């Protein structure tokens, strides 16, 4: 099985256009290889209803986030900011 793996770090205060660049890179990767895995520290809380950039990218590219539990917990917050995104046809046991 051949698949494309991408790791990413997005600083919390990065410019909004980073999401456009991120989306384009995923689209290009999926043009070359349908089986795609993206993981990293994306610093957008997937548990928040206010954050939609990453959620839209996941939806538009037909990706699944296989991480369902919190990835960061502090005294004042709990977040899911470190997803593992896989193309919908990819089967991973995490």
PDB file of N, CA and C in Angstrom:
ATOM      1  N   UNK A   1       0.847  -1.186   0.000  1.00  0.00           N
ATOM      2  CA  UNK A   1       0.000   0.000   0.000  1.00  0.00           C
ATOM      3  C   UNK A   1       0.883   1.237   0.000  1.00  0.00           C
ATOM      4  N   UNK A   2       0.593   2.158  -0.872  1.00  0.00           N
ATOM      5  CA  UNK A   2       1.318   3.419  -0.969  1.00  0.00           C
ATOM      6  C   UNK A   2       0.408   4.538  -0.491  1.00  0.00           C
ATOM      7  N   UNK A   3       0.926   5.392   0.394  1.00  0.00           N
ATOM      8  CA  UNK A   3       0.132   6.543   0.809  1.00  0.00           C
ATOM      9  C   UNK A   3       1.047   7.730   1.014  1.00  0.00           C
ATOM     10  N   UNK A   4       0.457   8.911   1.015  1.00  0.00           N
ATOM     11  CA  UNK A   4       1.177  10.156   1.206  1.00  0.00           C
ATOM     12  C   UNK A   4       0.935  10.642   2.623  1.00  0.00           C
ATOM     13  N   UNK A   5       2.004  10.946   3.339  1.00  0.00           N
ATOM     14  CA  UNK A   5       1.932  11.418   4.711  1.00  0.00           C
ATOM     15  C   UNK A   5       2.470  12.840   4.773  1.00  0.00           C
ATOM     16  N   UNK A   6       1.716  13.723   5.406  1.00  0.00           N
ATOM     17  CA  UNK A   6       2.147  15.111   5.567  1.00  0.00           C
ATOM     18  C   UNK A   6       2.044  15.474   7.041  1.00  0.00           C
ATOM     19  N   UNK A   7       3.095  16.083   7.572  1.00  0.00           N
ATOM     20  CA  UNK A   7       3.048  16.610   8.927  1.00  0.00           C
ATOM     21  C   UNK A   7       3.052  18.134   8.846  1.00  0.00           C
ATOM     22  N   UNK A   8       2.349  18.762   9.772  1.00  0.00           N
ATOM     23  CA  UNK A   8       2.150  20.203   9.704  1.00  0.00           C
ATOM     24  C   UNK A   8       2.181  20.822  11.094  1.00  0.00           C
ATOM     25  N   UNK A   9       2.770  22.004  11.181  1.00  0.00           N
ATOM     26  CA  UNK A   9       2.641  22.837  12.374  1.00  0.00           C
ATOM     27  C   UNK A   9       2.131  24.199  11.931  1.00  0.00           C
ATOM     28  N   UNK A  10       1.035  24.652  12.537  1.00  0.00           N
ATOM     29  CA  UNK A  10       0.502  25.984  12.265  1.00  0.00           C
ATOM     30  C   UNK A  10       0.555  26.774  13.563  1.00  0.00           C
ATOM     31  N   UNK A  11       1.389  27.828  13.623  1.00  0.00           N
ATOM     32  CA  UNK A  11       1.450  28.641  14.841  1.00  0.00           C
ATOM     33  C   UNK A  11       0.079  29.248  15.165  1.00  0.00           C
ATOM     34  N   UNK A  12      -0.247  29.377  16.444  1.00  0.00           N
ATOM     35  CA  UNK A  12      -1.566  29.888  16.835  1.00  0.00           C
ATOM     36  C   UNK A  12      -1.909  31.261  16.265  1.00  0.00           C
ATOM     37  N   UNK A  13      -0.933  32.111  16.073  1.00  0.00           N
ATOM     38  CA  UNK A  13      -1.206  33.473  15.606  1.00  0.00           C
ATOM     39  C   UNK A  13      -0.871  33.661  14.124  1.00  0.00           C
ATOM     40  N   UNK A  14      -0.885  32.588  13.353  1.00  0.00           N
ATOM     41  CA  UNK A  14      -0.542  32.694  11.933  1.00  0.00           C
ATOM     42  C   UNK A  14      -1.649  33.402  11.152  1.00  0.00           C
ATOM     43  N   UNK A  15      -1.286  33.902  10.002  1.00  0.00           N
ATOM     44  CA  UNK A  15      -2.237  34.635   9.164  1.00  0.00           C
ATOM     45  C   UNK A  15      -3.337  33.699   8.642  1.00  0.00           C
ATOM     46  N   UNK A  16      -4.488  34.251   8.358  1.00  0.00           N
ATOM     47  CA  UNK A  16      -5.640  33.464   7.906  1.00  0.00           C
ATOM     48  C   UNK A  16      -5.352  32.762   6.577  1.00  0.00           C
ATOM     49  N   UNK A  17      -4.547  33.374   5.722  1.00  0.00           N
ATOM     50  CA  UNK A  17      -4.240  32.790   4.414  1.00  0.00           C
ATOM     51  C   UNK A  17      -3.523  31.440   4.522  1.00  0.00           C
ATOM     52  N   UNK A  18      -2.970  31.133   5.681  1.00  0.00           N
ATOM     53  CA  UNK A  18      -2.322  29.832   5.874  1.00  0.00           C
ATOM     54  C   UNK A  18      -3.310  28.705   5.596  1.00  0.00           C
ATOM     55  N   UNK A  19      -4.579  28.915   5.958  1.00  0.00           N
ATOM     56  CA  UNK A  19      -5.591  27.876   5.718  1.00  0.00           C
ATOM     57  C   UNK A  19      -5.799  27.650   4.221  1.00  0.00           C
ATOM     58  N   UNK A  20      -5.764  28.712   3.437  1.00  0.00           N
ATOM     59  CA  UNK A  20      -5.877  28.554   1.982  1.00  0.00           C
ATOM     60  C   UNK A  20      -4.699  27.753   1.436  1.00  0.00           C
ATOM     61  N   UNK A  21      -3.501  28.080   1.877  1.00  0.00           N
ATOM     62  CA  UNK A  21      -2.308  27.350   1.447  1.00  0.00           C
ATOM     63  C   UNK A  21      -2.380  25.885   1.867  1.00  0.00           C
ATOM     64  N   UNK A  22      -2.822  25.657   3.081  1.00  0.00           N
ATOM     65  CA  UNK A  22      -2.968  24.298   3.605  1.00  0.00           C
ATOM     66  C   UNK A  22      -3.960  23.507   2.760  1.00  0.00           C
ATOM     67  N   UNK A  23      -5.086  24.119   2.431  1.00  0.00           N
ATOM     68  CA  UNK A  23      -6.106  23.457   1.625  1.00  0.00           C
ATOM     69  C   UNK A  23      -5.570  23.126   0.229  1.00  0.00           C
ATOM     70  N   UNK A  24      -4.876  24.055  -0.391  1.00  0.00           N
ATOM     71  CA  UNK A  24      -4.315  23.818  -1.728  1.00  0.00           C
ATOM     72  C   UNK A  24      -3.333  22.655  -1.689  1.00  0.00           C
ATOM     73  N   UNK A  25      -2.504  22.596  -0.661  1.00  0.00           N
ATOM     74  CA  UNK A  25      -1.535  21.500  -0.587  1.00  0.00           C
ATOM     75  C   UNK A  25      -2.233  20.148  -0.422  1.00  0.00           C
ATOM     76  N   UNK A  26      -3.323  20.118   0.326  1.00  0.00           N
ATOM     77  CA  UNK A  26      -4.081  18.865   0.464  1.00  0.00           C
ATOM     78  C   UNK A  26      -4.724  18.495  -0.870  1.00  0.00           C
ATOM     79  N   UNK A  27      -5.319  19.459  -1.537  1.00  0.00           N
ATOM     80  CA  UNK A  27      -5.937  19.179  -2.843  1.00  0.00           C
ATOM     81  C   UNK A  27      -4.909  18.627  -3.830  1.00  0.00           C
ATOM     82  N   UNK A  28      -3.727  19.229  -3.866  1.00  0.00           N
ATOM     83  CA  UNK A  28      -2.672  18.757  -4.775  1.00  0.00           C
ATOM     84  C   UNK A  28      -2.214  17.352  -4.406  1.00  0.00           C
ATOM     85  N   UNK A  29      -2.071  17.101  -3.127  1.00  0.00           N
ATOM     86  CA  UNK A  29      -1.657  15.772  -2.677  1.00  0.00           C
ATOM     87  C   UNK A  29      -2.676  14.722  -3.093  1.00  0.00           C
ATOM     88  N   UNK A  30      -3.944  15.055  -2.958  1.00  0.00           N
ATOM     89  CA  UNK A  30      -4.992  14.083  -3.278  1.00  0.00           C
ATOM     90  C   UNK A  30      -5.141  13.881  -4.790  1.00  0.00           C
ATOM     91  N   UNK A  31      -4.690  14.853  -5.581  1.00  0.00           N
ATOM     92  CA  UNK A  31      -4.676  14.653  -7.033  1.00  0.00           C
ATOM     93  C   UNK A  31      -3.656  13.586  -7.421  1.00  0.00           C
ATOM     94  N   UNK A  32      -2.565  13.532  -6.679  1.00  0.00           N
ATOM     95  CA  UNK A  32      -1.496  12.588  -6.959  1.00  0.00           C
ATOM     96  C   UNK A  32      -1.771  11.229  -6.316  1.00  0.00           C
ATOM     97  N   UNK A  33      -2.322  11.254  -5.119  1.00  0.00           N
ATOM     98  CA  UNK A  33      -2.515  10.028  -4.359  1.00  0.00           C
ATOM     99  C   UNK A  33      -3.793  10.129  -3.544  1.00  0.00           C
ATOM    100  N   UNK A  34      -4.727   9.256  -3.809  1.00  0.00           N
ATOM    101  CA  UNK A  34      -6.015   9.295  -3.118  1.00  0.00           C
ATOM    102  C   UNK A  34      -5.871   8.946  -1.641  1.00  0.00           C
ATOM    103  N   UNK A  35      -4.923   8.092  -1.289  1.00  0.00           N
ATOM    104  CA  UNK A  35      -4.716   7.706   0.099  1.00  0.00           C
ATOM    105  C   UNK A  35      -3.782   8.707   0.752  1.00  0.00           C
ATOM    106  N   UNK A  36      -4.345   9.604   1.542  1.00  0.00           N
ATOM    107  CA  UNK A  36      -3.591  10.709   2.121  1.00  0.00           C
ATOM    108  C   UNK A  36      -3.794  10.752   3.626  1.00  0.00           C
ATOM    109  N   UNK A  37      -2.715  11.021   4.365  1.00  0.00           N
ATOM    110  CA  UNK A  37      -2.760  11.167   5.815  1.00  0.00           C
ATOM    111  C   UNK A  37      -2.089  12.487   6.164  1.00  0.00           C
ATOM    112  N   UNK A  38      -2.780  13.321   6.944  1.00  0.00           N
ATOM    113  CA  UNK A  38      -2.253  14.612   7.381  1.00  0.00           C
ATOM    114  C   UNK A  38      -2.300  14.633   8.899  1.00  0.00           C
ATOM    115  N   UNK A  39      -1.177  14.941   9.522  1.00  0.00           N
ATOM    116  CA  UNK A  39      -1.186  15.034  10.978  1.00  0.00           C
ATOM    117  C   UNK A  39      -0.296  16.178  11.417  1.00  0.00           C
ATOM    118  N   UNK A  40      -0.573  16.672  12.598  1.00  0.00           N
ATOM    119  CA  UNK A  40       0.254  17.742  13.120  1.00  0.00           C
ATOM    120  C   UNK A  40      -0.444  18.571  14.166  1.00  0.00           C
ATOM    121  N   UNK A  41       0.253  19.598  14.573  1.00  0.00           N
ATOM    122  CA  UNK A  41      -0.258  20.546  15.560  1.00  0.00           C
ATOM    123  C   UNK A  41      -0.827  21.730  14.775  1.00  0.00           C
ATOM    124  N   UNK A  42      -2.133  21.714  14.550  1.00  0.00           N
ATOM    125  CA  UNK A  42      -2.764  22.723  13.698  1.00  0.00           C
ATOM    126  C   UNK A  42      -3.338  23.896  14.483  1.00  0.00           C
ATOM    127  N   UNK A  43      -3.359  23.792  15.796  1.00  0.00           N
ATOM    128  CA  UNK A  43      -3.783  24.900  16.654  1.00  0.00           C
ATOM    129  C   UNK A  43      -5.132  25.502  16.281  1.00  0.00           C
ATOM    130  N   UNK A  44      -6.047  24.661  15.883  1.00  0.00           N
ATOM    131  CA  UNK A  44      -7.438  25.086  15.759  1.00  0.00           C
ATOM    132  C   UNK A  44      -8.276  24.015  16.443  1.00  0.00           C
ATOM    133  N   UNK A  45      -8.993  24.426  17.458  1.00  0.00           N
ATOM    134  CA  UNK A  45      -9.740  23.495  18.287  1.00  0.00           C
ATOM    135  C   UNK A  45     -10.955  22.942  17.537  1.00  0.00           C
ATOM    136  N   UNK A  46     -10.904  21.677  17.219  1.00  0.00           N
ATOM    137  CA  UNK A  46     -12.020  21.056  16.501  1.00  0.00           C
ATOM    138  C   UNK A  46     -13.253  20.857  17.382  1.00  0.00           C
ATOM    139  N   UNK A  47     -13.109  21.073  18.678  1.00  0.00           N
ATOM    140  CA  UNK A  47     -14.262  20.959  19.584  1.00  0.00           C
ATOM    141  C   UNK A  47     -15.049  22.258  19.683  1.00  0.00           C
ATOM    142  N   UNK A  48     -14.500  23.349  19.164  1.00  0.00           N
ATOM    143  CA  UNK A  48     -15.147  24.657  19.245  1.00  0.00           C
ATOM    144  C   UNK A  48     -16.038  24.902  18.039  1.00  0.00           C
ATOM    145  N   UNK A  49     -17.216  25.431  18.294  1.00  0.00           N
ATOM    146  CA  UNK A  49     -18.117  25.802  17.201  1.00  0.00           C
ATOM    147  C   UNK A  49     -17.678  27.077  16.499  1.00  0.00           C
ATOM    148  N   UNK A  50     -16.790  27.843  17.121  1.00  0.00           N
ATOM    149  CA  UNK A  50     -16.332  29.108  16.542  1.00  0.00           C
ATOM    150  C   UNK A  50     -15.252  28.925  15.486  1.00  0.00           C
ATOM    151  N   UNK A  51     -14.543  27.823  15.514  1.00  0.00           N
ATOM    152  CA  UNK A  51     -13.451  27.575  14.575  1.00  0.00           C
ATOM    153  C   UNK A  51     -13.964  26.751  13.400  1.00  0.00           C
ATOM    154  N   UNK A  52     -13.903  27.326  12.209  1.00  0.00           N
ATOM    155  CA  UNK A  52     -14.454  26.621  11.046  1.00  0.00           C
ATOM    156  C   UNK A  52     -13.448  26.389   9.932  1.00  0.00           C
ATOM    157  N   UNK A  53     -12.277  27.016   9.990  1.00  0.00           N
ATOM    158  CA  UNK A  53     -11.315  26.873   8.899  1.00  0.00           C
ATOM    159  C   UNK A  53     -10.956  25.412   8.647  1.00  0.00           C
ATOM    160  N   UNK A  54     -10.476  24.748   9.667  1.00  0.00           N
ATOM    161  CA  UNK A  54     -10.065  23.355   9.518  1.00  0.00           C
ATOM    162  C   UNK A  54     -11.266  22.446   9.255  1.00  0.00           C
ATOM    163  N   UNK A  55     -12.369  22.716   9.915  1.00  0.00           N
ATOM    164  CA  UNK A  55     -13.579  21.902   9.690  1.00  0.00           C
ATOM    165  C   UNK A  55     -14.011  21.971   8.231  1.00  0.00           C
ATOM    166  N   UNK A  56     -13.935  23.148   7.631  1.00  0.00           N
ATOM    167  CA  UNK A  56     -14.296  23.291   6.217  1.00  0.00           C
ATOM    168  C   UNK A  56     -13.333  22.532   5.316  1.00  0.00           C
ATOM    169  N   UNK A  57     -12.052  22.588   5.619  1.00  0.00           N
ATOM    170  CA  UNK A  57     -11.069  21.851   4.831  1.00  0.00           C
ATOM    171  C   UNK A  57     -11.338  20.352   4.914  1.00  0.00           C
ATOM    172  N   UNK A  58     -11.647  19.881   6.099  1.00  0.00           N
ATOM    173  CA  UNK A  58     -11.971  18.459   6.288  1.00  0.00           C
ATOM    174  C   UNK A  58     -13.192  18.087   5.446  1.00  0.00           C
ATOM    175  N   UNK A  59     -14.216  18.908   5.511  1.00  0.00           N
ATOM    176  CA  UNK A  59     -15.454  18.650   4.765  1.00  0.00           C
ATOM    177  C   UNK A  59     -15.227  18.713   3.260  1.00  0.00           C
ATOM    178  N   UNK A  60     -14.612  19.774   2.774  1.00  0.00           N
ATOM    179  CA  UNK A  60     -14.426  19.974   1.332  1.00  0.00           C
ATOM    180  C   UNK A  60     -13.556  18.899   0.689  1.00  0.00           C
ATOM    181  N   UNK A  61     -12.612  18.350   1.456  1.00  0.00           N
ATOM    182  CA  UNK A  61     -11.691  17.357   0.910  1.00  0.00           C
ATOM    183  C   UNK A  61     -12.076  15.923   1.270  1.00  0.00           C
ATOM    184  N   UNK A  62     -13.251  15.776   1.872  1.00  0.00           N
ATOM    185  CA  UNK A  62     -13.761  14.450   2.236  1.00  0.00           C
ATOM    186  C   UNK A  62     -12.750  13.690   3.100  1.00  0.00           C
ATOM    187  N   UNK A  63     -12.281  14.373   4.156  1.00  0.00           N
ATOM    188  CA  UNK A  63     -11.335  13.778   5.088  1.00  0.00           C
ATOM    189  C   UNK A  63     -12.062  13.360   6.358  1.00  0.00           C
ATOM    190  N   UNK A  64     -11.453  12.445   7.086  1.00  0.00           N
ATOM    191  CA  UNK A  64     -11.958  12.037   8.393  1.00  0.00           C
ATOM    192  C   UNK A  64     -10.884  12.326   9.427  1.00  0.00           C
ATOM    193  N   UNK A  65     -11.285  12.834  10.594  1.00  0.00           N
ATOM    194  CA  UNK A  65     -10.357  12.986  11.705  1.00  0.00           C
ATOM    195  C   UNK A  65     -10.496  11.749  12.581  1.00  0.00           C
ATOM    196  N   UNK A  66      -9.431  10.964  12.693  1.00  0.00           N
ATOM    197  CA  UNK A  66      -9.517   9.729  13.464  1.00  0.00           C
ATOM    198  C   UNK A  66      -9.289   9.947  14.957  1.00  0.00           C
ATOM    199  N   UNK A  67      -8.855  11.154  15.326  1.00  0.00           N
ATOM    200  CA  UNK A  67      -8.675  11.475  16.742  1.00  0.00           C
ATOM    201  C   UNK A  67      -9.979  12.063  17.275  1.00  0.00           C
ATOM    202  N   UNK A  68     -10.556  11.401  18.247  1.00  0.00           N
ATOM    203  CA  UNK A  68     -11.857  11.825  18.774  1.00  0.00           C
ATOM    204  C   UNK A  68     -11.771  12.369  20.202  1.00  0.00           C
ATOM    205  N   UNK A  69     -10.614  12.216  20.840  1.00  0.00           N
ATOM    206  CA  UNK A  69     -10.464  12.645  22.224  1.00  0.00           C
ATOM    207  C   UNK A  69      -9.598  13.903  22.301  1.00  0.00           C
ATOM    208  N   UNK A  70      -9.574  14.531  23.464  1.00  0.00           N
ATOM    209  CA  UNK A  70      -8.779  15.731  23.696  1.00  0.00           C
ATOM    210  C   UNK A  70      -7.304  15.458  23.412  1.00  0.00           C
ATOM    211  N   UNK A  71      -6.630  16.451  22.841  1.00  0.00           N
ATOM    212  CA  UNK A  71      -5.191  16.323  22.614  1.00  0.00           C
ATOM    213  C   UNK A  71      -4.390  17.287  23.480  1.00  0.00           C
ATOM    214  N   UNK A  72      -5.075  18.207  24.137  1.00  0.00           N
ATOM    215  CA  UNK A  72      -4.407  19.151  25.039  1.00  0.00           C
ATOM    216  C   UNK A  72      -5.368  19.527  26.147  1.00  0.00           C
ATOM    217  N   UNK A  73      -4.866  19.472  27.373  1.00  0.00           N
ATOM    218  CA  UNK A  73      -5.689  19.817  28.518  1.00  0.00           C
ATOM    219  C   UNK A  73      -4.855  20.644  29.495  1.00  0.00           C
ATOM    220  N   UNK A  74      -5.401  21.812  29.887  1.00  0.00           N
ATOM    221  CA  UNK A  74      -4.748  22.662  30.878  1.00  0.00           C
ATOM    222  C   UNK A  74      -5.732  22.915  32.007  1.00  0.00           C
ATOM    223  N   UNK A  75      -5.329  23.706  32.973  1.00  0.00           N
ATOM    224  CA  UNK A  75      -6.208  24.044  34.090  1.00  0.00           C
ATOM    225  C   UNK A  75      -7.412  24.859  33.633  1.00  0.00           C
ATOM    226  N   UNK A  76      -7.287  25.544  32.476  1.00  0.00           N
ATOM    227  CA  UNK A  76      -8.368  26.428  32.033  1.00  0.00           C
ATOM    228  C   UNK A  76      -9.022  26.020  30.714  1.00  0.00           C
ATOM    229  N   UNK A  77      -8.465  25.024  30.022  1.00  0.00           N
ATOM    230  CA  UNK A  77      -9.065  24.667  28.734  1.00  0.00           C
ATOM    231  C   UNK A  77      -8.777  23.220  28.341  1.00  0.00           C
ATOM    232  N   UNK A  78      -9.625  22.717  27.472  1.00  0.00           N
ATOM    233  CA  UNK A  78      -9.416  21.405  26.860  1.00  0.00           C
ATOM    234  C   UNK A  78      -9.659  21.560  25.369  1.00  0.00           C
ATOM    235  N   UNK A  79      -8.773  20.996  24.570  1.00  0.00           N
ATOM    236  CA  UNK A  79      -8.866  21.193  23.136  1.00  0.00           C
ATOM    237  C   UNK A  79      -8.513  19.921  22.366  1.00  0.00           C
ATOM    238  N   UNK A  80      -8.936  19.921  21.122  1.00  0.00           N
ATOM    239  CA  UNK A  80      -8.530  18.904  20.154  1.00  0.00           C
ATOM    240  C   UNK A  80      -7.864  19.682  19.011  1.00  0.00           C
ATOM    241  N   UNK A  81      -6.546  19.865  19.125  1.00  0.00           N
ATOM    242  CA  UNK A  81      -5.811  20.691  18.155  1.00  0.00           C
ATOM    243  C   UNK A  81      -4.773  19.883  17.377  1.00  0.00           C
ATOM    244  N   UNK A  82      -4.680  18.593  17.636  1.00  0.00           N
ATOM    245  CA  UNK A  82      -3.681  17.737  16.991  1.00  0.00           C
ATOM    246  C   UNK A  82      -4.376  16.578  16.271  1.00  0.00           C
ATOM    247  N   UNK A  83      -5.060  16.870  15.188  1.00  0.00           N
ATOM    248  CA  UNK A  83      -5.817  15.811  14.518  1.00  0.00           C
ATOM    249  C   UNK A  83      -4.923  14.913  13.661  1.00  0.00           C
ATOM    250  N   UNK A  84      -5.463  13.781  13.309  1.00  0.00           N
ATOM    251  CA  UNK A  84      -4.910  12.944  12.249  1.00  0.00           C
ATOM    252  C   UNK A  84      -6.018  12.834  11.217  1.00  0.00           C
ATOM    253  N   UNK A  85      -5.787  13.449  10.069  1.00  0.00           N
ATOM    254  CA  UNK A  85      -6.785  13.496   9.007  1.00  0.00           C
ATOM    255  C   UNK A  85      -6.430  12.472   7.946  1.00  0.00           C
ATOM    256  N   UNK A  86      -7.399  11.681   7.542  1.00  0.00           N
ATOM    257  CA  UNK A  86      -7.171  10.672   6.515  1.00  0.00           C
ATOM    258  C   UNK A  86      -8.218  10.811   5.428  1.00  0.00           C
ATOM    259  N   UNK A  87      -7.805  10.501   4.217  1.00  0.00           N
ATOM    260  CA  UNK A  87      -8.785  10.490   3.137  1.00  0.00           C
ATOM    261  C   UNK A  87      -9.836   9.452   3.477  1.00  0.00           C
ATOM    262  N   UNK A  88     -11.060   9.717   3.106  1.00  0.00           N
ATOM    263  CA  UNK A  88     -12.198   8.906   3.530  1.00  0.00           C
ATOM    264  C   UNK A  88     -12.048   7.441   3.139  1.00  0.00           C
ATOM    265  N   UNK A  89     -11.278   7.146   2.130  1.00  0.00           N
ATOM    266  CA  UNK A  89     -11.110   5.763   1.689  1.00  0.00           C
ATOM    267  C   UNK A  89     -10.005   5.040   2.452  1.00  0.00           C
ATOM    268  N   UNK A  90      -9.261   5.760   3.292  1.00  0.00           N
ATOM    269  CA  UNK A  90      -8.146   5.177   4.034  1.00  0.00           C
ATOM    270  C   UNK A  90      -8.663   4.491   5.291  1.00  0.00           C
ATOM    271  N   UNK A  91      -8.169   3.305   5.543  1.00  0.00           N
ATOM    272  CA  UNK A  91      -8.547   2.580   6.747  1.00  0.00           C
ATOM    273  C   UNK A  91      -7.337   2.525   7.670  1.00  0.00           C
ATOM    274  N   UNK A  92      -7.417   3.232   8.809  1.00  0.00           N
ATOM    275  CA  UNK A  92      -6.345   3.233   9.802  1.00  0.00           C
ATOM    276  C   UNK A  92      -6.918   2.824  11.138  1.00  0.00           C
ATOM    277  N   UNK A  93      -6.181   2.026  11.859  1.00  0.00           N
ATOM    278  CA  UNK A  93      -6.540   1.693  13.243  1.00  0.00           C
ATOM    279  C   UNK A  93      -5.618   2.482  14.138  1.00  0.00           C
ATOM    280  N   UNK A  94      -6.161   3.532  14.789  1.00  0.00           N
ATOM    281  CA  UNK A  94      -5.349   4.378  15.656  1.00  0.00           C
ATOM    282  C   UNK A  94      -5.708   4.111  17.101  1.00  0.00           C
TER     283      UNK A  94
END
